[in-house]
PDB file of N, CA and C in Angstrom:
ATOM      1  N   MET A   1     -58.218  47.514 191.259  1.00  0.00           N
ATOM      2  CA  MET A   1     -59.512  46.949 191.608  1.00  0.00           C
ATOM      3  C   MET A   1     -59.372  45.456 191.902  1.00  0.00           C
ATOM      4  N   ARG A   2     -58.641  44.755 191.054  1.00  0.00           N
ATOM      5  CA  ARG A   2     -58.465  43.321 191.246  1.00  0.00           C
ATOM      6  C   ARG A   2     -57.771  43.035 192.572  1.00  0.00           C
ATOM      7  N   ARG A   3     -56.768  43.850 192.919  1.00  0.00           N
ATOM      8  CA  ARG A   3     -56.021  43.664 194.170  1.00  0.00           C
ATOM      9  C   ARG A   3     -56.931  43.860 195.382  1.00  0.00           C
ATOM     10  N   SER A   4     -57.802  44.889 195.357  1.00  0.00           N
ATOM     11  CA  SER A   4     -58.686  45.127 196.500  1.00  0.00           C
ATOM     12  C   SER A   4     -59.690  43.998 196.655  1.00  0.00           C
ATOM     13  N   LYS A   5     -60.147  43.412 195.555  1.00  0.00           N
ATOM     14  CA  LYS A   5     -61.058  42.262 195.649  1.00  0.00           C
ATOM     15  C   LYS A   5     -60.334  41.077 196.272  1.00  0.00           C
ATOM     16  N   GLY A   6     -59.058  40.906 195.901  1.00  0.00           N
ATOM     17  CA  GLY A   6     -58.261  39.825 196.476  1.00  0.00           C
ATOM     18  C   GLY A   6     -58.060  40.021 197.966  1.00  0.00           C
ATOM     19  N   LEU A   7     -57.815  41.255 198.375  1.00  0.00           N
ATOM     20  CA  LEU A   7     -57.644  41.542 199.799  1.00  0.00           C
ATOM     21  C   LEU A   7     -58.938  41.329 200.565  1.00  0.00           C
ATOM     22  N   LEU A   8     -60.055  41.711 199.975  1.00  0.00           N
ATOM     23  CA  LEU A   8     -61.337  41.480 200.634  1.00  0.00           C
ATOM     24  C   LEU A   8     -61.598  39.986 200.781  1.00  0.00           C
ATOM     25  N   GLY A   9     -61.250  39.230 199.758  1.00  0.00           N
ATOM     26  CA  GLY A   9     -61.391  37.774 199.833  1.00  0.00           C
ATOM     27  C   GLY A   9     -60.504  37.189 200.909  1.00  0.00           C
ATOM     28  N   LEU A  10     -59.288  37.702 201.012  1.00  0.00           N
ATOM     29  CA  LEU A  10     -58.367  37.245 202.059  1.00  0.00           C
ATOM     30  C   LEU A  10     -58.929  37.566 203.435  1.00  0.00           C
ATOM     31  N   GLY A  11     -59.462  38.768 203.591  1.00  0.00           N
ATOM     32  CA  GLY A  11     -60.055  39.150 204.876  1.00  0.00           C
ATOM     33  C   GLY A  11     -61.218  38.243 205.244  1.00  0.00           C
ATOM     34  N   ALA A  12     -62.066  37.933 204.273  1.00  0.00           N
ATOM     35  CA  ALA A  12     -63.198  37.040 204.527  1.00  0.00           C
ATOM     36  C   ALA A  12     -62.709  35.642 204.901  1.00  0.00           C
ATOM     37  N   ALA A  13     -61.677  35.172 204.204  1.00  0.00           N
ATOM     38  CA  ALA A  13     -61.126  33.846 204.505  1.00  0.00           C
ATOM     39  C   ALA A  13     -60.549  33.814 205.914  1.00  0.00           C
ATOM     40  N   LEU A  14     -59.867  34.893 206.304  1.00  0.00           N
ATOM     41  CA  LEU A  14     -59.307  34.949 207.656  1.00  0.00           C
ATOM     42  C   LEU A  14     -60.409  34.928 208.709  1.00  0.00           C
ATOM     43  N   MET A  15     -61.492  35.625 208.446  1.00  0.00           N
ATOM     44  CA  MET A  15     -62.610  35.639 209.402  1.00  0.00           C
ATOM     45  C   MET A  15     -63.206  34.239 209.535  1.00  0.00           C
ATOM     46  N   LEU A  16     -63.375  33.538 208.424  1.00  0.00           N
ATOM     47  CA  LEU A  16     -63.918  32.185 208.478  1.00  0.00           C
ATOM     48  C   LEU A  16     -62.960  31.239 209.193  1.00  0.00           C
ATOM     49  N   ALA A  17     -61.682  31.406 208.960  1.00  0.00           N
ATOM     50  CA  ALA A  17     -60.692  30.555 209.618  1.00  0.00           C
ATOM     51  C   ALA A  17     -60.678  30.799 211.120  1.00  0.00           C
ATOM     52  N   ALA A  18     -61.071  31.983 211.533  1.00  0.00           N
ATOM     53  CA  ALA A  18     -61.056  32.320 212.960  1.00  0.00           C
ATOM     54  C   ALA A  18     -62.257  31.754 213.699  1.00  0.00           C
ATOM     55  N   ALA A  19     -63.295  31.336 212.993  1.00  0.00           N
ATOM     56  CA  ALA A  19     -64.527  30.891 213.651  1.00  0.00           C
ATOM     57  C   ALA A  19     -64.302  29.855 214.738  1.00  0.00           C
ATOM     58  N   PRO A  20     -63.502  28.789 214.536  1.00  0.00           N
ATOM     59  CA  PRO A  20     -63.292  27.836 215.608  1.00  0.00           C
ATOM     60  C   PRO A  20     -62.548  28.428 216.802  1.00  0.00           C
ATOM     61  N   ALA A  21     -61.754  29.442 216.558  1.00  0.00           N
ATOM     62  CA  ALA A  21     -60.960  30.029 217.637  1.00  0.00           C
ATOM     63  C   ALA A  21     -61.766  30.991 218.492  1.00  0.00           C
ATOM     64  N   ILE A  22     -62.911  31.442 218.005  1.00  0.00           N
ATOM     65  CA  ILE A  22     -63.682  32.428 218.737  1.00  0.00           C
ATOM     66  C   ILE A  22     -64.075  31.914 220.115  1.00  0.00           C
ATOM     67  N   ALA A  23     -64.449  30.663 220.210  1.00  0.00           N
ATOM     68  CA  ALA A  23     -64.823  30.112 221.506  1.00  0.00           C
ATOM     69  C   ALA A  23     -63.650  30.153 222.476  1.00  0.00           C
ATOM     70  N   ALA A  24     -62.440  29.991 221.956  1.00  0.00           N
ATOM     71  CA  ALA A  24     -61.261  30.006 222.812  1.00  0.00           C
ATOM     72  C   ALA A  24     -61.018  31.385 223.381  1.00  0.00           C
ATOM     73  N   GLY A  25     -61.491  32.424 222.726  1.00  0.00           N
ATOM     74  CA  GLY A  25     -61.269  33.789 223.173  1.00  0.00           C
ATOM     75  C   GLY A  25     -62.478  34.377 223.863  1.00  0.00           C
ATOM     76  N   SER A  26     -63.205  33.578 224.613  1.00  0.00           N
ATOM     77  CA  SER A  26     -64.387  34.068 225.318  1.00  0.00           C
ATOM     78  C   SER A  26     -64.020  35.303 226.127  1.00  0.00           C
ATOM     79  N   GLY A  27     -64.869  36.300 226.062  1.00  0.00           N
ATOM     80  CA  GLY A  27     -64.614  37.538 226.768  1.00  0.00           C
ATOM     81  C   GLY A  27     -63.826  38.531 225.943  1.00  0.00           C
ATOM     82  N   ALA A  28     -63.428  38.135 224.756  1.00  0.00           N
ATOM     83  CA  ALA A  28     -62.681  39.041 223.878  1.00  0.00           C
ATOM     84  C   ALA A  28     -63.636  40.057 223.270  1.00  0.00           C
ATOM     85  N   PRO A  29     -63.162  41.284 223.061  1.00  0.00           N
ATOM     86  CA  PRO A  29     -64.005  42.249 222.358  1.00  0.00           C
ATOM     87  C   PRO A  29     -64.315  41.724 220.961  1.00  0.00           C
ATOM     88  N   ALA A  30     -65.485  42.052 220.447  1.00  0.00           N
ATOM     89  CA  ALA A  30     -65.919  41.528 219.153  1.00  0.00           C
ATOM     90  C   ALA A  30     -64.884  41.748 218.057  1.00  0.00           C
ATOM     91  N   LYS A  31     -64.281  42.909 218.005  1.00  0.00           N
ATOM     92  CA  LYS A  31     -63.316  43.198 216.940  1.00  0.00           C
ATOM     93  C   LYS A  31     -62.030  42.381 217.084  1.00  0.00           C
ATOM     94  N   ALA A  32     -61.738  41.872 218.271  1.00  0.00           N
ATOM     95  CA  ALA A  32     -60.521  41.071 218.464  1.00  0.00           C
ATOM     96  C   ALA A  32     -60.624  39.737 217.742  1.00  0.00           C
ATOM     97  N   THR A  33     -61.838  39.253 217.516  1.00  0.00           N
ATOM     98  CA  THR A  33     -61.997  37.947 216.881  1.00  0.00           C
ATOM     99  C   THR A  33     -61.433  37.920 215.472  1.00  0.00           C
ATOM    100  N   GLN A  34     -61.365  39.077 214.800  1.00  0.00           N
ATOM    101  CA  GLN A  34     -60.783  39.100 213.452  1.00  0.00           C
ATOM    102  C   GLN A  34     -59.278  38.904 213.496  1.00  0.00           C
ATOM    103  N   CYS A  35     -58.678  39.030 214.663  1.00  0.00           N
ATOM    104  CA  CYS A  35     -57.226  38.856 214.820  1.00  0.00           C
ATOM    105  C   CYS A  35     -56.847  37.394 215.046  1.00  0.00           C
ATOM    106  N   PHE A  36     -57.811  36.586 215.462  1.00  0.00           N
ATOM    107  CA  PHE A  36     -57.536  35.225 215.923  1.00  0.00           C
ATOM    108  C   PHE A  36     -56.925  34.317 214.863  1.00  0.00           C
ATOM    109  N   ALA A  37     -57.303  34.483 213.598  1.00  0.00           N
ATOM    110  CA  ALA A  37     -56.805  33.581 212.552  1.00  0.00           C
ATOM    111  C   ALA A  37     -55.288  33.615 212.456  1.00  0.00           C
ATOM    112  N   CYS A  38     -54.706  34.785 212.579  1.00  0.00           N
ATOM    113  CA  CYS A  38     -53.245  34.910 212.465  1.00  0.00           C
ATOM    114  C   CYS A  38     -52.549  34.982 213.821  1.00  0.00           C
ATOM    115  N   HIS A  39     -53.147  35.711 214.758  1.00  0.00           N
ATOM    116  CA  HIS A  39     -52.491  35.966 216.036  1.00  0.00           C
ATOM    117  C   HIS A  39     -52.980  35.048 217.158  1.00  0.00           C
ATOM    118  N   GLY A  40     -54.024  34.256 216.906  1.00  0.00           N
ATOM    119  CA  GLY A  40     -54.533  33.309 217.888  1.00  0.00           C
ATOM    120  C   GLY A  40     -55.416  33.954 218.943  1.00  0.00           C
ATOM    121  N   ALA A  41     -56.434  33.240 219.388  1.00  0.00           N
ATOM    122  CA  ALA A  41     -57.310  33.731 220.456  1.00  0.00           C
ATOM    123  C   ALA A  41     -56.533  33.875 221.749  1.00  0.00           C
ATOM    124  N   ASP A  42     -55.465  33.091 221.864  1.00  0.00           N
ATOM    125  CA  ASP A  42     -54.616  33.154 223.046  1.00  0.00           C
ATOM    126  C   ASP A  42     -53.460  34.138 222.859  1.00  0.00           C
ATOM    127  N   GLY A  43     -53.453  34.833 221.719  1.00  0.00           N
ATOM    128  CA  GLY A  43     -52.412  35.812 221.448  1.00  0.00           C
ATOM    129  C   GLY A  43     -51.108  35.213 220.977  1.00  0.00           C
ATOM    130  N   LEU A  44     -51.099  33.902 220.772  1.00  0.00           N
ATOM    131  CA  LEU A  44     -49.900  33.211 220.286  1.00  0.00           C
ATOM    132  C   LEU A  44     -50.092  32.919 218.806  1.00  0.00           C
ATOM    133  N   SER A  45     -49.182  33.441 218.009  1.00  0.00           N
ATOM    134  CA  SER A  45     -49.294  33.434 216.562  1.00  0.00           C
ATOM    135  C   SER A  45     -49.574  32.056 215.975  1.00  0.00           C
ATOM    136  N   LYS A  46     -50.481  32.022 215.011  1.00  0.00           N
ATOM    137  CA  LYS A  46     -50.793  30.799 214.277  1.00  0.00           C
ATOM    138  C   LYS A  46     -50.183  30.843 212.877  1.00  0.00           C
ATOM    139  N   ALA A  47     -49.691  32.007 212.485  1.00  0.00           N
ATOM    140  CA  ALA A  47     -49.085  32.187 211.164  1.00  0.00           C
ATOM    141  C   ALA A  47     -47.598  32.487 211.351  1.00  0.00           C
ATOM    142  N   PRO A  48     -46.760  31.927 210.499  1.00  0.00           N
ATOM    143  CA  PRO A  48     -45.314  32.096 210.686  1.00  0.00           C
ATOM    144  C   PRO A  48     -44.827  33.543 210.593  1.00  0.00           C
ATOM    145  N   ASP A  49     -45.559  34.397 209.900  1.00  0.00           N
ATOM    146  CA  ASP A  49     -45.115  35.785 209.757  1.00  0.00           C
ATOM    147  C   ASP A  49     -45.907  36.770 210.616  1.00  0.00           C
ATOM    148  N   ALA A  50     -46.717  36.256 211.536  1.00  0.00           N
ATOM    149  CA  ALA A  50     -47.503  37.117 212.426  1.00  0.00           C
ATOM    150  C   ALA A  50     -46.898  37.076 213.825  1.00  0.00           C
ATOM    151  N   PRO A  51     -46.743  38.236 214.453  1.00  0.00           N
ATOM    152  CA  PRO A  51     -46.147  38.244 215.794  1.00  0.00           C
ATOM    153  C   PRO A  51     -47.134  37.792 216.868  1.00  0.00           C
ATOM    154  N   ASN A  52     -46.595  37.301 217.976  1.00  0.00           N
ATOM    155  CA  ASN A  52     -47.411  37.019 219.152  1.00  0.00           C
ATOM    156  C   ASN A  52     -47.877  38.348 219.729  1.00  0.00           C
ATOM    157  N   LEU A  53     -49.124  38.394 220.186  1.00  0.00           N
ATOM    158  CA  LEU A  53     -49.660  39.611 220.787  1.00  0.00           C
ATOM    159  C   LEU A  53     -49.846  39.472 222.294  1.00  0.00           C
ATOM    160  N   ALA A  54     -49.899  38.244 222.787  1.00  0.00           N
ATOM    161  CA  ALA A  54     -50.120  38.012 224.221  1.00  0.00           C
ATOM    162  C   ALA A  54     -49.040  38.706 225.035  1.00  0.00           C
ATOM    163  N   GLY A  55     -49.470  39.457 226.026  1.00  0.00           N
ATOM    164  CA  GLY A  55     -48.542  40.100 226.933  1.00  0.00           C
ATOM    165  C   GLY A  55     -47.798  41.300 226.369  1.00  0.00           C
ATOM    166  N   GLN A  56     -48.097  41.688 225.128  1.00  0.00           N
ATOM    167  CA  GLN A  56     -47.440  42.865 224.554  1.00  0.00           C
ATOM    168  C   GLN A  56     -47.865  44.114 225.333  1.00  0.00           C
ATOM    169  N   ASN A  57     -47.025  45.111 225.328  1.00  0.00           N
ATOM    170  CA  ASN A  57     -47.342  46.384 225.961  1.00  0.00           C
ATOM    171  C   ASN A  57     -48.573  46.991 225.286  1.00  0.00           C
ATOM    172  N   GLU A  58     -49.556  47.377 226.095  1.00  0.00           N
ATOM    173  CA  GLU A  58     -50.812  47.887 225.555  1.00  0.00           C
ATOM    174  C   GLU A  58     -50.621  49.137 224.702  1.00  0.00           C
ATOM    175  N   GLN A  59     -49.787  50.059 225.164  1.00  0.00           N
ATOM    176  CA  GLN A  59     -49.567  51.293 224.397  1.00  0.00           C
ATOM    177  C   GLN A  59     -48.874  51.018 223.066  1.00  0.00           C
ATOM    178  N   TYR A  60     -48.005  50.015 223.039  1.00  0.00           N
ATOM    179  CA  TYR A  60     -47.360  49.616 221.787  1.00  0.00           C
ATOM    180  C   TYR A  60     -48.415  49.118 220.798  1.00  0.00           C
ATOM    181  N   LEU A  61     -49.335  48.269 221.274  1.00  0.00           N
ATOM    182  CA  LEU A  61     -50.383  47.736 220.399  1.00  0.00           C
ATOM    183  C   LEU A  61     -51.295  48.848 219.897  1.00  0.00           C
ATOM    184  N   VAL A  62     -51.655  49.787 220.782  1.00  0.00           N
ATOM    185  CA  VAL A  62     -52.493  50.924 220.377  1.00  0.00           C
ATOM    186  C   VAL A  62     -51.801  51.700 219.265  1.00  0.00           C
ATOM    187  N   LYS A  63     -50.541  52.038 219.478  1.00  0.00           N
ATOM    188  CA  LYS A  63     -49.785  52.818 218.484  1.00  0.00           C
ATOM    189  C   LYS A  63     -49.666  52.065 217.159  1.00  0.00           C
ATOM    190  N   ALA A  64     -49.360  50.772 217.233  1.00  0.00           N
ATOM    191  CA  ALA A  64     -49.220  49.981 216.007  1.00  0.00           C
ATOM    192  C   ALA A  64     -50.527  49.969 215.218  1.00  0.00           C
ATOM    193  N   LEU A  65     -51.646  49.731 215.892  1.00  0.00           N
ATOM    194  CA  LEU A  65     -52.937  49.696 215.198  1.00  0.00           C
ATOM    195  C   LEU A  65     -53.315  51.064 214.639  1.00  0.00           C
ATOM    196  N   GLN A  66     -53.055  52.117 215.400  1.00  0.00           N
ATOM    197  CA  GLN A  66     -53.332  53.464 214.892  1.00  0.00           C
ATOM    198  C   GLN A  66     -52.494  53.752 213.650  1.00  0.00           C
ATOM    199  N   ASP A  67     -51.225  53.330 213.693  1.00  0.00           N
ATOM    200  CA  ASP A  67     -50.343  53.557 212.543  1.00  0.00           C
ATOM    201  C   ASP A  67     -50.764  52.738 211.327  1.00  0.00           C
ATOM    202  N   PHE A  68     -51.204  51.506 211.526  1.00  0.00           N
ATOM    203  CA  PHE A  68     -51.708  50.709 210.398  1.00  0.00           C
ATOM    204  C   PHE A  68     -52.954  51.379 209.820  1.00  0.00           C
ATOM    205  N   ARG A  69     -53.833  51.850 210.704  1.00  0.00           N
ATOM    206  CA  ARG A  69     -55.077  52.481 210.255  1.00  0.00           C
ATOM    207  C   ARG A  69     -54.801  53.763 209.471  1.00  0.00           C
ATOM    208  N   SER A  70     -53.860  54.569 209.918  1.00  0.00           N
ATOM    209  CA  SER A  70     -53.579  55.860 209.275  1.00  0.00           C
ATOM    210  C   SER A  70     -52.709  55.733 208.028  1.00  0.00           C
ATOM    211  N   GLY A  71     -52.003  54.607 207.913  1.00  0.00           N
ATOM    212  CA  GLY A  71     -51.084  54.432 206.799  1.00  0.00           C
ATOM    213  C   GLY A  71     -49.649  54.794 207.154  1.00  0.00           C
ATOM    214  N   ALA A  72     -49.414  55.256 208.390  1.00  0.00           N
ATOM    215  CA  ALA A  72     -48.050  55.576 208.825  1.00  0.00           C
ATOM    216  C   ALA A  72     -47.192  54.316 208.877  1.00  0.00           C
ATOM    217  N   ARG A  73     -47.832  53.185 209.049  1.00  0.00           N
ATOM    218  CA  ARG A  73     -47.163  51.884 209.035  1.00  0.00           C
ATOM    219  C   ARG A  73     -47.910  51.033 208.011  1.00  0.00           C
ATOM    220  N   ALA A  74     -47.201  50.375 207.127  1.00  0.00           N
ATOM    221  CA  ALA A  74     -47.865  49.649 206.043  1.00  0.00           C
ATOM    222  C   ALA A  74     -47.621  48.150 206.125  1.00  0.00           C
ATOM    223  N   HIS A  75     -48.687  47.413 205.953  1.00  0.00           N
ATOM    224  CA  HIS A  75     -48.658  45.953 205.826  1.00  0.00           C
ATOM    225  C   HIS A  75     -49.943  45.602 205.093  1.00  0.00           C
ATOM    226  N   GLU A  76     -49.827  44.811 204.052  1.00  0.00           N
ATOM    227  CA  GLU A  76     -50.972  44.557 203.179  1.00  0.00           C
ATOM    228  C   GLU A  76     -52.225  44.115 203.942  1.00  0.00           C
ATOM    229  N   VAL A  77     -52.091  43.170 204.837  1.00  0.00           N
ATOM    230  CA  VAL A  77     -53.259  42.658 205.571  1.00  0.00           C
ATOM    231  C   VAL A  77     -53.598  43.555 206.748  1.00  0.00           C
ATOM    232  N   MET A  78     -52.609  43.913 207.556  1.00  0.00           N
ATOM    233  CA  MET A  78     -52.891  44.692 208.770  1.00  0.00           C
ATOM    234  C   MET A  78     -53.461  46.073 208.445  1.00  0.00           C
ATOM    235  N   SER A  79     -52.997  46.688 207.395  1.00  0.00           N
ATOM    236  CA  SER A  79     -53.536  47.996 207.016  1.00  0.00           C
ATOM    237  C   SER A  79     -55.021  47.886 206.701  1.00  0.00           C
ATOM    238  N   MET A  80     -55.400  46.817 206.009  1.00  0.00           N
ATOM    239  CA  MET A  80     -56.806  46.603 205.673  1.00  0.00           C
ATOM    240  C   MET A  80     -57.630  46.300 206.929  1.00  0.00           C
ATOM    241  N   MET A  81     -57.086  45.457 207.804  1.00  0.00           N
ATOM    242  CA  MET A  81     -57.826  45.063 209.009  1.00  0.00           C
ATOM    243  C   MET A  81     -58.024  46.248 209.951  1.00  0.00           C
ATOM    244  N   ALA A  82     -57.043  47.117 210.063  1.00  0.00           N
ATOM    245  CA  ALA A  82     -57.113  48.238 211.001  1.00  0.00           C
ATOM    246  C   ALA A  82     -58.013  49.360 210.513  1.00  0.00           C
ATOM    247  N   LYS A  83     -58.243  49.443 209.207  1.00  0.00           N
ATOM    248  CA  LYS A  83     -59.068  50.528 208.657  1.00  0.00           C
ATOM    249  C   LYS A  83     -60.454  50.581 209.301  1.00  0.00           C
ATOM    250  N   GLY A  84     -61.024  49.435 209.622  1.00  0.00           N
ATOM    251  CA  GLY A  84     -62.368  49.388 210.176  1.00  0.00           C
ATOM    252  C   GLY A  84     -62.440  49.519 211.686  1.00  0.00           C
ATOM    253  N   LEU A  85     -61.328  49.811 212.333  1.00  0.00           N
ATOM    254  CA  LEU A  85     -61.315  49.911 213.795  1.00  0.00           C
ATOM    255  C   LEU A  85     -61.474  51.354 214.255  1.00  0.00           C
ATOM    256  N   SER A  86     -62.374  51.563 215.208  1.00  0.00           N
ATOM    257  CA  SER A  86     -62.509  52.881 215.829  1.00  0.00           C
ATOM    258  C   SER A  86     -61.448  53.011 216.918  1.00  0.00           C
ATOM    259  N   ASP A  87     -61.296  54.201 217.473  1.00  0.00           N
ATOM    260  CA  ASP A  87     -60.355  54.391 218.582  1.00  0.00           C
ATOM    261  C   ASP A  87     -60.734  53.483 219.754  1.00  0.00           C
ATOM    262  N   GLN A  88     -62.035  53.343 220.004  1.00  0.00           N
ATOM    263  CA  GLN A  88     -62.514  52.472 221.084  1.00  0.00           C
ATOM    264  C   GLN A  88     -62.182  51.004 220.791  1.00  0.00           C
ATOM    265  N   ASP A  89     -62.348  50.579 219.541  1.00  0.00           N
ATOM    266  CA  ASP A  89     -61.999  49.204 219.156  1.00  0.00           C
ATOM    267  C   ASP A  89     -60.510  48.954 219.380  1.00  0.00           C
ATOM    268  N   ILE A  90     -59.689  49.897 218.957  1.00  0.00           N
ATOM    269  CA  ILE A  90     -58.241  49.749 219.102  1.00  0.00           C
ATOM    270  C   ILE A  90     -57.865  49.618 220.570  1.00  0.00           C
ATOM    271  N   GLN A  91     -58.467  50.434 221.412  1.00  0.00           N
ATOM    272  CA  GLN A  91     -58.180  50.370 222.844  1.00  0.00           C
ATOM    273  C   GLN A  91     -58.603  49.019 223.418  1.00  0.00           C
ATOM    274  N   ALA A  92     -59.789  48.548 223.050  1.00  0.00           N
ATOM    275  CA  ALA A  92     -60.303  47.281 223.580  1.00  0.00           C
ATOM    276  C   ALA A  92     -59.469  46.088 223.114  1.00  0.00           C
ATOM    277  N   VAL A  93     -59.121  46.052 221.842  1.00  0.00           N
ATOM    278  CA  VAL A  93     -58.319  44.955 221.297  1.00  0.00           C
ATOM    279  C   VAL A  93     -56.932  44.949 221.946  1.00  0.00           C
ATOM    280  N   SER A  94     -56.342  46.119 222.081  1.00  0.00           N
ATOM    281  CA  SER A  94     -55.012  46.231 222.687  1.00  0.00           C
ATOM    282  C   SER A  94     -55.042  45.797 224.148  1.00  0.00           C
ATOM    283  N   ALA A  95     -56.069  46.208 224.870  1.00  0.00           N
ATOM    284  CA  ALA A  95     -56.196  45.823 226.282  1.00  0.00           C
ATOM    285  C   ALA A  95     -56.375  44.314 226.411  1.00  0.00           C
ATOM    286  N   TYR A  96     -57.165  43.718 225.523  1.00  0.00           N
ATOM    287  CA  TYR A  96     -57.410  42.272 225.567  1.00  0.00           C
ATOM    288  C   TYR A  96     -56.105  41.494 225.400  1.00  0.00           C
ATOM    289  N   PHE A  97     -55.365  41.787 224.334  1.00  0.00           N
ATOM    290  CA  PHE A  97     -54.151  41.015 224.080  1.00  0.00           C
ATOM    291  C   PHE A  97     -53.055  41.302 225.105  1.00  0.00           C
ATOM    292  N   SER A  98     -52.955  42.530 225.575  1.00  0.00           N
ATOM    293  CA  SER A  98     -51.910  42.840 226.560  1.00  0.00           C
ATOM    294  C   SER A  98     -52.204  42.194 227.912  1.00  0.00           C
ATOM    295  N   ALA A  99     -53.468  41.920 228.192  1.00  0.00           N
ATOM    296  CA  ALA A  99     -53.849  41.320 229.478  1.00  0.00           C
ATOM    297  C   ALA A  99     -53.634  39.803 229.523  1.00  0.00           C
ATOM    298  N   ILE A 100     -53.340  39.189 228.402  1.00  0.00           N
ATOM    299  CA  ILE A 100     -53.109  37.745 228.383  1.00  0.00           C
ATOM    300  C   ILE A 100     -51.755  37.459 229.017  1.00  0.00           C
ATOM    301  N   ALA A 101     -51.772  36.694 230.072  1.00  0.00           N
ATOM    302  CA  ALA A 101     -50.535  36.364 230.783  1.00  0.00           C
ATOM    303  C   ALA A 101     -49.740  35.300 230.009  1.00  0.00           C
ATOM    304  N   ILE A 102     -48.465  35.502 229.928  1.00  0.00           N
ATOM    305  CA  ILE A 102     -47.602  34.524 229.279  1.00  0.00           C
ATOM    306  C   ILE A 102     -46.519  34.104 230.271  1.00  0.00           C
ATOM    307  N   SER A 103     -45.987  32.944 230.066  1.00  0.00           N
ATOM    308  CA  SER A 103     -44.860  32.524 230.899  1.00  0.00           C
ATOM    309  C   SER A 103     -43.719  32.113 229.976  1.00  0.00           C
ATOM    310  N   VAL A 104     -42.539  32.304 230.476  1.00  0.00           N
ATOM    311  CA  VAL A 104     -41.344  32.006 229.686  1.00  0.00           C
ATOM    312  C   VAL A 104     -40.459  31.098 230.528  1.00  0.00           C
ATOM    313  N   LYS A 105     -39.905  30.096 229.881  1.00  0.00           N
ATOM    314  CA  LYS A 105     -38.956  29.235 230.593  1.00  0.00           C
ATOM    315  C   LYS A 105     -37.707  29.092 229.751  1.00  0.00           C
ATOM    316  N   ALA A 106     -36.622  29.018 230.418  1.00  0.00           N
ATOM    317  CA  ALA A 106     -35.333  28.879 229.738  1.00  0.00           C
ATOM    318  C   ALA A 106     -35.260  27.524 229.048  1.00  0.00           C
ATOM    319  N   PRO A 107     -34.545  27.455 227.924  1.00  0.00           N
ATOM    320  CA  PRO A 107     -34.445  26.172 227.206  1.00  0.00           C
ATOM    321  C   PRO A 107     -33.675  25.129 227.996  1.00  0.00           C
TER     322      PRO A 107
END
């Protein structure tokens, strides 16, 4: 019980931390805004242990979110965040992040 309260508190803190980033992600599906605190509105990670989502393959993102939601893939925060996503939410969030264009330049 104590652990679930801590996770809920973490989720709430992440949502509050994402508030300034929401404007940067104009046009993002509503459920994508909960990703912004760690993964950035631009899909570029803001947390050292969170992957970049910009330009990722859409089907990969769909599968990853479905697996987090079902428990086939486990991560303390992502499993909790994905639980509240419908199939439509997963598709919309995945499409949003995969559509972000990225550029790469050699060092």
